[in-house]
Amino acid sequence: MDGIQERSHKALCDYLKQKHKDLGTEFVNTFDAYRELRHAVAYGLDTVTRKEDAQKAINSAVIFLKRVKEYLSARYKI
C-alpha cells in the first residue's frame, strides 16, 4: 500500500519499525525474534526447537496477523 516491495524479512522488520511505529513495537519485535530463530534453525548447526516452541510461534503469528489486519483496516479504511 505504501509502494514498498519487501526484499527480505529483515528489511520488512526494519521498515515496520521505522515507518509504522503505531503498529506497535511489541508485535514487530516478536516477528523479528522469530525471524532470527528461523534463520538459526535453517542455517545453524546445533539449534534445536521443540513442538511447544513451534506452537508458541504459530500462536504469535496468528495474533500478529490479526493486529496487522486491524491496523490496515483502520489506516486505509479497507
PDB file of N, CA and C in Angstrom:
ATOM      1  N   MET A   1       0.811  -1.185   0.000  1.00  0.00           N
ATOM      2  CA  MET A   1       0.000   0.000   0.000  1.00  0.00           C
ATOM      3  C   MET A   1       0.855   1.250   0.000  1.00  0.00           C
ATOM      4  N   ASP A   2       2.065   1.131   0.512  1.00  0.00           N
ATOM      5  CA  ASP A   2       2.967   2.271   0.525  1.00  0.00           C
ATOM      6  C   ASP A   2       3.830   2.323  -0.728  1.00  0.00           C
ATOM      7  N   GLY A   3       3.678   1.324  -1.598  1.00  0.00           N
ATOM      8  CA  GLY A   3       4.532   1.243  -2.769  1.00  0.00           C
ATOM      9  C   GLY A   3       5.881   0.610  -2.473  1.00  0.00           C
ATOM     10  N   ILE A   4       6.005   0.001  -1.310  1.00  0.00           N
ATOM     11  CA  ILE A   4       7.258  -0.635  -0.894  1.00  0.00           C
ATOM     12  C   ILE A   4       7.173  -2.125  -1.208  1.00  0.00           C
ATOM     13  N   GLN A   5       8.268  -2.667  -1.767  1.00  0.00           N
ATOM     14  CA  GLN A   5       8.340  -4.101  -2.003  1.00  0.00           C
ATOM     15  C   GLN A   5       9.395  -4.687  -1.070  1.00  0.00           C
ATOM     16  N   GLU A   6       8.967  -5.639  -0.293  1.00  0.00           N
ATOM     17  CA  GLU A   6       9.852  -6.281   0.680  1.00  0.00           C
ATOM     18  C   GLU A   6      10.858  -7.144  -0.061  1.00  0.00           C
ATOM     19  N   ARG A   7      12.115  -7.026   0.309  1.00  0.00           N
ATOM     20  CA  ARG A   7      13.182  -7.814  -0.312  1.00  0.00           C
ATOM     21  C   ARG A   7      13.741  -8.878   0.630  1.00  0.00           C
ATOM     22  N   SER A   8      13.473  -8.730   1.908  1.00  0.00           N
ATOM     23  CA  SER A   8      13.925  -9.722   2.879  1.00  0.00           C
ATOM     24  C   SER A   8      13.098  -9.544   4.147  1.00  0.00           C
ATOM     25  N   HIS A   9      13.084 -10.570   4.981  1.00  0.00           N
ATOM     26  CA  HIS A   9      12.352 -10.465   6.241  1.00  0.00           C
ATOM     27  C   HIS A   9      12.975  -9.396   7.131  1.00  0.00           C
ATOM     28  N   LYS A  10      14.296  -9.295   7.125  1.00  0.00           N
ATOM     29  CA  LYS A  10      14.987  -8.270   7.917  1.00  0.00           C
ATOM     30  C   LYS A  10      14.578  -6.878   7.447  1.00  0.00           C
ATOM     31  N   ALA A  11      14.531  -6.688   6.142  1.00  0.00           N
ATOM     32  CA  ALA A  11      14.145  -5.385   5.594  1.00  0.00           C
ATOM     33  C   ALA A  11      12.710  -5.051   5.986  1.00  0.00           C
ATOM     34  N   LEU A  12      11.847  -6.048   6.002  1.00  0.00           N
ATOM     35  CA  LEU A  12      10.453  -5.821   6.398  1.00  0.00           C
ATOM     36  C   LEU A  12      10.381  -5.388   7.859  1.00  0.00           C
ATOM     37  N   CYS A  13      11.122  -6.039   8.721  1.00  0.00           N
ATOM     38  CA  CYS A  13      11.148  -5.658  10.141  1.00  0.00           C
ATOM     39  C   CYS A  13      11.644  -4.225  10.301  1.00  0.00           C
ATOM     40  N   ASP A  14      12.731  -3.896   9.626  1.00  0.00           N
ATOM     41  CA  ASP A  14      13.286  -2.545   9.716  1.00  0.00           C
ATOM     42  C   ASP A  14      12.289  -1.513   9.207  1.00  0.00           C
ATOM     43  N   TYR A  15      11.630  -1.819   8.106  1.00  0.00           N
ATOM     44  CA  TYR A  15      10.632  -0.909   7.531  1.00  0.00           C
ATOM     45  C   TYR A  15       9.477  -0.678   8.512  1.00  0.00           C
ATOM     46  N   LEU A  16       8.952  -1.747   9.079  1.00  0.00           N
ATOM     47  CA  LEU A  16       7.838  -1.616  10.022  1.00  0.00           C
ATOM     48  C   LEU A  16       8.247  -0.804  11.250  1.00  0.00           C
ATOM     49  N   LYS A  17       9.459  -1.036  11.735  1.00  0.00           N
ATOM     50  CA  LYS A  17       9.947  -0.295  12.907  1.00  0.00           C
ATOM     51  C   LYS A  17      10.080   1.197  12.616  1.00  0.00           C
ATOM     52  N   GLN A  18      10.459   1.542  11.395  1.00  0.00           N
ATOM     53  CA  GLN A  18      10.689   2.941  11.049  1.00  0.00           C
ATOM     54  C   GLN A  18       9.428   3.654  10.586  1.00  0.00           C
ATOM     55  N   LYS A  19       8.636   3.006   9.760  1.00  0.00           N
ATOM     56  CA  LYS A  19       7.522   3.691   9.101  1.00  0.00           C
ATOM     57  C   LYS A  19       6.153   3.441   9.711  1.00  0.00           C
ATOM     58  N   HIS A  20       6.029   2.407  10.517  1.00  0.00           N
ATOM     59  CA  HIS A  20       4.723   2.068  11.083  1.00  0.00           C
ATOM     60  C   HIS A  20       4.850   1.821  12.586  1.00  0.00           C
ATOM     61  N   LYS A  21       5.422   2.780  13.270  1.00  0.00           N
ATOM     62  CA  LYS A  21       5.633   2.661  14.716  1.00  0.00           C
ATOM     63  C   LYS A  21       4.322   2.477  15.466  1.00  0.00           C
ATOM     64  N   ASP A  22       3.253   3.038  14.921  1.00  0.00           N
ATOM     65  CA  ASP A  22       1.961   2.926  15.593  1.00  0.00           C
ATOM     66  C   ASP A  22       1.368   1.522  15.489  1.00  0.00           C
ATOM     67  N   LEU A  23       1.994   0.652  14.723  1.00  0.00           N
ATOM     68  CA  LEU A  23       1.574  -0.753  14.687  1.00  0.00           C
ATOM     69  C   LEU A  23       1.874  -1.417  16.025  1.00  0.00           C
ATOM     70  N   GLY A  24       2.928  -0.958  16.674  1.00  0.00           N
ATOM     71  CA  GLY A  24       3.296  -1.492  17.984  1.00  0.00           C
ATOM     72  C   GLY A  24       4.627  -2.211  17.933  1.00  0.00           C
ATOM     73  N   THR A  25       5.562  -1.765  18.726  1.00  0.00           N
ATOM     74  CA  THR A  25       6.894  -2.367  18.700  1.00  0.00           C
ATOM     75  C   THR A  25       6.898  -3.797  19.222  1.00  0.00           C
ATOM     76  N   GLU A  26       5.992  -4.106  20.129  1.00  0.00           N
ATOM     77  CA  GLU A  26       5.934  -5.480  20.671  1.00  0.00           C
ATOM     78  C   GLU A  26       5.721  -6.493  19.547  1.00  0.00           C
ATOM     79  N   PHE A  27       4.799  -6.194  18.646  1.00  0.00           N
ATOM     80  CA  PHE A  27       4.491  -7.118  17.560  1.00  0.00           C
ATOM     81  C   PHE A  27       5.661  -7.255  16.597  1.00  0.00           C
ATOM     82  N   VAL A  28       6.256  -6.147  16.243  1.00  0.00           N
ATOM     83  CA  VAL A  28       7.366  -6.178  15.293  1.00  0.00           C
ATOM     84  C   VAL A  28       8.590  -6.835  15.921  1.00  0.00           C
ATOM     85  N   ASN A  29       8.843  -6.560  17.188  1.00  0.00           N
ATOM     86  CA  ASN A  29       9.979  -7.192  17.868  1.00  0.00           C
ATOM     87  C   ASN A  29       9.798  -8.707  17.975  1.00  0.00           C
ATOM     88  N   THR A  30       8.577  -9.149  18.228  1.00  0.00           N
ATOM     89  CA  THR A  30       8.307 -10.588  18.280  1.00  0.00           C
ATOM     90  C   THR A  30       8.536 -11.220  16.915  1.00  0.00           C
ATOM     91  N   PHE A  31       8.017 -10.571  15.865  1.00  0.00           N
ATOM     92  CA  PHE A  31       8.218 -11.045  14.497  1.00  0.00           C
ATOM     93  C   PHE A  31       9.716 -11.132  14.190  1.00  0.00           C
ATOM     94  N   ASP A  32      10.470 -10.108  14.575  1.00  0.00           N
ATOM     95  CA  ASP A  32      11.903 -10.072  14.323  1.00  0.00           C
ATOM     96  C   ASP A  32      12.629 -11.179  15.084  1.00  0.00           C
ATOM     97  N   ALA A  33      12.220 -11.435  16.320  1.00  0.00           N
ATOM     98  CA  ALA A  33      12.845 -12.503  17.108  1.00  0.00           C
ATOM     99  C   ALA A  33      12.606 -13.869  16.466  1.00  0.00           C
ATOM    100  N   TYR A  34      11.401 -14.095  15.972  1.00  0.00           N
ATOM    101  CA  TYR A  34      11.127 -15.370  15.293  1.00  0.00           C
ATOM    102  C   TYR A  34      11.859 -15.455  13.962  1.00  0.00           C
ATOM    103  N   ARG A  35      12.074 -14.319  13.307  1.00  0.00           N
ATOM    104  CA  ARG A  35      12.852 -14.297  12.071  1.00  0.00           C
ATOM    105  C   ARG A  35      14.275 -14.762  12.360  1.00  0.00           C
ATOM    106  N   GLU A  36      14.858 -14.253  13.442  1.00  0.00           N
ATOM    107  CA  GLU A  36      16.214 -14.641  13.809  1.00  0.00           C
ATOM    108  C   GLU A  36      16.279 -16.124  14.198  1.00  0.00           C
ATOM    109  N   LEU A  37      15.271 -16.594  14.914  1.00  0.00           N
ATOM    110  CA  LEU A  37      15.240 -18.007  15.299  1.00  0.00           C
ATOM    111  C   LEU A  37      15.106 -18.909  14.072  1.00  0.00           C
ATOM    112  N   ARG A  38      14.242 -18.526  13.146  1.00  0.00           N
ATOM    113  CA  ARG A  38      14.078 -19.316  11.911  1.00  0.00           C
ATOM    114  C   ARG A  38      15.395 -19.392  11.157  1.00  0.00           C
ATOM    115  N   HIS A  39      16.109 -18.275  11.095  1.00  0.00           N
ATOM    116  CA  HIS A  39      17.406 -18.258  10.419  1.00  0.00           C
ATOM    117  C   HIS A  39      18.385 -19.210  11.116  1.00  0.00           C
ATOM    118  N   ALA A  40      18.407 -19.178  12.429  1.00  0.00           N
ATOM    119  CA  ALA A  40      19.302 -20.056  13.185  1.00  0.00           C
ATOM    120  C   ALA A  40      18.950 -21.526  12.969  1.00  0.00           C
ATOM    121  N   VAL A  41      17.670 -21.834  12.932  1.00  0.00           N
ATOM    122  CA  VAL A  41      17.242 -23.217  12.720  1.00  0.00           C
ATOM    123  C   VAL A  41      17.591 -23.669  11.306  1.00  0.00           C
ATOM    124  N   ALA A  42      17.349 -22.795  10.338  1.00  0.00           N
ATOM    125  CA  ALA A  42      17.581 -23.169   8.945  1.00  0.00           C
ATOM    126  C   ALA A  42      19.068 -23.276   8.609  1.00  0.00           C
ATOM    127  N   TYR A  43      19.898 -22.414   9.176  1.00  0.00           N
ATOM    128  CA  TYR A  43      21.298 -22.338   8.775  1.00  0.00           C
ATOM    129  C   TYR A  43      22.286 -22.682   9.883  1.00  0.00           C
ATOM    130  N   GLY A  44      21.810 -22.824  11.107  1.00  0.00           N
ATOM    131  CA  GLY A  44      22.699 -23.142  12.214  1.00  0.00           C
ATOM    132  C   GLY A  44      23.005 -24.620  12.267  1.00  0.00           C
ATOM    133  N   LEU A  45      23.988 -24.944  13.053  1.00  0.00           N
ATOM    134  CA  LEU A  45      24.396 -26.343  13.162  1.00  0.00           C
ATOM    135  C   LEU A  45      23.770 -27.053  14.340  1.00  0.00           C
ATOM    136  N   ASP A  46      23.478 -26.325  15.394  1.00  0.00           N
ATOM    137  CA  ASP A  46      23.036 -27.007  16.607  1.00  0.00           C
ATOM    138  C   ASP A  46      21.800 -26.376  17.257  1.00  0.00           C
ATOM    139  N   THR A  47      21.002 -25.681  16.485  1.00  0.00           N
ATOM    140  CA  THR A  47      19.791 -25.083  17.030  1.00  0.00           C
ATOM    141  C   THR A  47      18.678 -26.120  17.029  1.00  0.00           C
ATOM    142  N   VAL A  48      18.084 -26.329  18.180  1.00  0.00           N
ATOM    143  CA  VAL A  48      17.018 -27.309  18.324  1.00  0.00           C
ATOM    144  C   VAL A  48      15.773 -26.586  18.838  1.00  0.00           C
ATOM    145  N   THR A  49      14.635 -26.934  18.285  1.00  0.00           N
ATOM    146  CA  THR A  49      13.379 -26.381  18.771  1.00  0.00           C
ATOM    147  C   THR A  49      12.456 -27.518  19.182  1.00  0.00           C
ATOM    148  N   ARG A  50      11.501 -27.182  20.017  1.00  0.00           N
ATOM    149  CA  ARG A  50      10.531 -28.177  20.478  1.00  0.00           C
ATOM    150  C   ARG A  50       9.174 -27.885  19.849  1.00  0.00           C
ATOM    151  N   LYS A  51       8.318 -28.858  19.911  1.00  0.00           N
ATOM    152  CA  LYS A  51       6.964 -28.703  19.388  1.00  0.00           C
ATOM    153  C   LYS A  51       6.272 -27.521  20.074  1.00  0.00           C
ATOM    154  N   GLU A  52       6.508 -27.364  21.361  1.00  0.00           N
ATOM    155  CA  GLU A  52       5.893 -26.264  22.112  1.00  0.00           C
ATOM    156  C   GLU A  52       6.381 -24.905  21.604  1.00  0.00           C
ATOM    157  N   ASP A  53       7.653 -24.847  21.227  1.00  0.00           N
ATOM    158  CA  ASP A  53       8.205 -23.607  20.669  1.00  0.00           C
ATOM    159  C   ASP A  53       7.523 -23.268  19.348  1.00  0.00           C
ATOM    160  N   ALA A  54       7.324 -24.285  18.526  1.00  0.00           N
ATOM    161  CA  ALA A  54       6.669 -24.074  17.242  1.00  0.00           C
ATOM    162  C   ALA A  54       5.224 -23.610  17.435  1.00  0.00           C
ATOM    163  N   GLN A  55       4.525 -24.199  18.385  1.00  0.00           N
ATOM    164  CA  GLN A  55       3.140 -23.810  18.634  1.00  0.00           C
ATOM    165  C   GLN A  55       3.068 -22.379  19.155  1.00  0.00           C
ATOM    166  N   LYS A  56       4.010 -22.004  19.997  1.00  0.00           N
ATOM    167  CA  LYS A  56       4.056 -20.630  20.502  1.00  0.00           C
ATOM    168  C   LYS A  56       4.287 -19.648  19.351  1.00  0.00           C
ATOM    169  N   ALA A  57       5.159 -20.001  18.430  1.00  0.00           N
ATOM    170  CA  ALA A  57       5.420 -19.148  17.271  1.00  0.00           C
ATOM    171  C   ALA A  57       4.172 -19.018  16.399  1.00  0.00           C
ATOM    172  N   ILE A  58       3.461 -20.109  16.206  1.00  0.00           N
ATOM    173  CA  ILE A  58       2.225 -20.073  15.415  1.00  0.00           C
ATOM    174  C   ILE A  58       1.191 -19.185  16.096  1.00  0.00           C
ATOM    175  N   ASN A  59       1.043 -19.340  17.394  1.00  0.00           N
ATOM    176  CA  ASN A  59       0.087 -18.505  18.137  1.00  0.00           C
ATOM    177  C   ASN A  59       0.444 -17.020  18.035  1.00  0.00           C
ATOM    178  N   SER A  60       1.726 -16.716  18.139  1.00  0.00           N
ATOM    179  CA  SER A  60       2.171 -15.328  17.999  1.00  0.00           C
ATOM    180  C   SER A  60       1.891 -14.803  16.605  1.00  0.00           C
ATOM    181  N   ALA A  61       2.106 -15.636  15.599  1.00  0.00           N
ATOM    182  CA  ALA A  61       1.849 -15.223  14.211  1.00  0.00           C
ATOM    183  C   ALA A  61       0.372 -14.926  13.986  1.00  0.00           C
ATOM    184  N   VAL A  62      -0.499 -15.728  14.561  1.00  0.00           N
ATOM    185  CA  VAL A  62      -1.939 -15.502  14.427  1.00  0.00           C
ATOM    186  C   VAL A  62      -2.319 -14.153  15.042  1.00  0.00           C
ATOM    187  N   ILE A  63      -1.791 -13.881  16.219  1.00  0.00           N
ATOM    188  CA  ILE A  63      -2.067 -12.602  16.886  1.00  0.00           C
ATOM    189  C   ILE A  63      -1.490 -11.446  16.070  1.00  0.00           C
ATOM    190  N   PHE A  64      -0.271 -11.612  15.568  1.00  0.00           N
ATOM    191  CA  PHE A  64       0.376 -10.577  14.769  1.00  0.00           C
ATOM    192  C   PHE A  64      -0.432 -10.272  13.510  1.00  0.00           C
ATOM    193  N   LEU A  65      -0.859 -11.310  12.811  1.00  0.00           N
ATOM    194  CA  LEU A  65      -1.649 -11.105  11.584  1.00  0.00           C
ATOM    195  C   LEU A  65      -2.984 -10.424  11.877  1.00  0.00           C
ATOM    196  N   LYS A  66      -3.607 -10.783  12.976  1.00  0.00           N
ATOM    197  CA  LYS A  66      -4.859 -10.129  13.361  1.00  0.00           C
ATOM    198  C   LYS A  66      -4.621  -8.644  13.604  1.00  0.00           C
ATOM    199  N   ARG A  67      -3.529  -8.333  14.312  1.00  0.00           N
ATOM    200  CA  ARG A  67      -3.198  -6.936  14.603  1.00  0.00           C
ATOM    201  C   ARG A  67      -2.900  -6.163  13.315  1.00  0.00           C
ATOM    202  N   VAL A  68      -2.184  -6.776  12.387  1.00  0.00           N
ATOM    203  CA  VAL A  68      -1.875  -6.121  11.115  1.00  0.00           C
ATOM    204  C   VAL A  68      -3.155  -5.861  10.323  1.00  0.00           C
ATOM    205  N   LYS A  69      -4.059  -6.823  10.299  1.00  0.00           N
ATOM    206  CA  LYS A  69      -5.337  -6.626   9.601  1.00  0.00           C
ATOM    207  C   LYS A  69      -6.125  -5.474  10.208  1.00  0.00           C
ATOM    208  N   GLU A  70      -6.173  -5.417  11.535  1.00  0.00           N
ATOM    209  CA  GLU A  70      -6.874  -4.325  12.218  1.00  0.00           C
ATOM    210  C   GLU A  70      -6.214  -2.987  11.901  1.00  0.00           C
ATOM    211  N   TYR A  71      -4.890  -2.977  11.936  1.00  0.00           N
ATOM    212  CA  TYR A  71      -4.124  -1.767  11.662  1.00  0.00           C
ATOM    213  C   TYR A  71      -4.390  -1.261  10.245  1.00  0.00           C
ATOM    214  N   LEU A  72      -4.292  -2.169   9.270  1.00  0.00           N
ATOM    215  CA  LEU A  72      -4.514  -1.787   7.872  1.00  0.00           C
ATOM    216  C   LEU A  72      -5.953  -1.334   7.644  1.00  0.00           C
ATOM    217  N   SER A  73      -6.881  -2.034   8.257  1.00  0.00           N
ATOM    218  CA  SER A  73      -8.288  -1.678   8.119  1.00  0.00           C
ATOM    219  C   SER A  73      -8.562  -0.275   8.636  1.00  0.00           C
ATOM    220  N   ALA A  74      -8.003   0.045   9.788  1.00  0.00           N
ATOM    221  CA  ALA A  74      -8.207   1.366  10.373  1.00  0.00           C
ATOM    222  C   ALA A  74      -7.461   2.450   9.599  1.00  0.00           C
ATOM    223  N   ARG A  75      -6.254   2.139   9.163  1.00  0.00           N
ATOM    224  CA  ARG A  75      -5.419   3.137   8.496  1.00  0.00           C
ATOM    225  C   ARG A  75      -5.857   3.427   7.074  1.00  0.00           C
ATOM    226  N   TYR A  76      -6.256   2.390   6.354  1.00  0.00           N
ATOM    227  CA  TYR A  76      -6.584   2.532   4.938  1.00  0.00           C
ATOM    228  C   TYR A  76      -8.065   2.348   4.642  1.00  0.00           C
ATOM    229  N   LYS A  77      -8.876   2.218   5.683  1.00  0.00           N
ATOM    230  CA  LYS A  77     -10.333   2.071   5.531  1.00  0.00           C
ATOM    231  C   LYS A  77     -10.678   0.929   4.576  1.00  0.00           C
ATOM    232  N   ILE A  78     -10.033  -0.209   4.830  1.00  0.00           N
ATOM    233  CA  ILE A  78     -10.256  -1.407   3.993  1.00  0.00           C
ATOM    234  C   ILE A  78     -11.492  -2.126   4.486  1.00  0.00           C
TER     235      ILE A  78
END
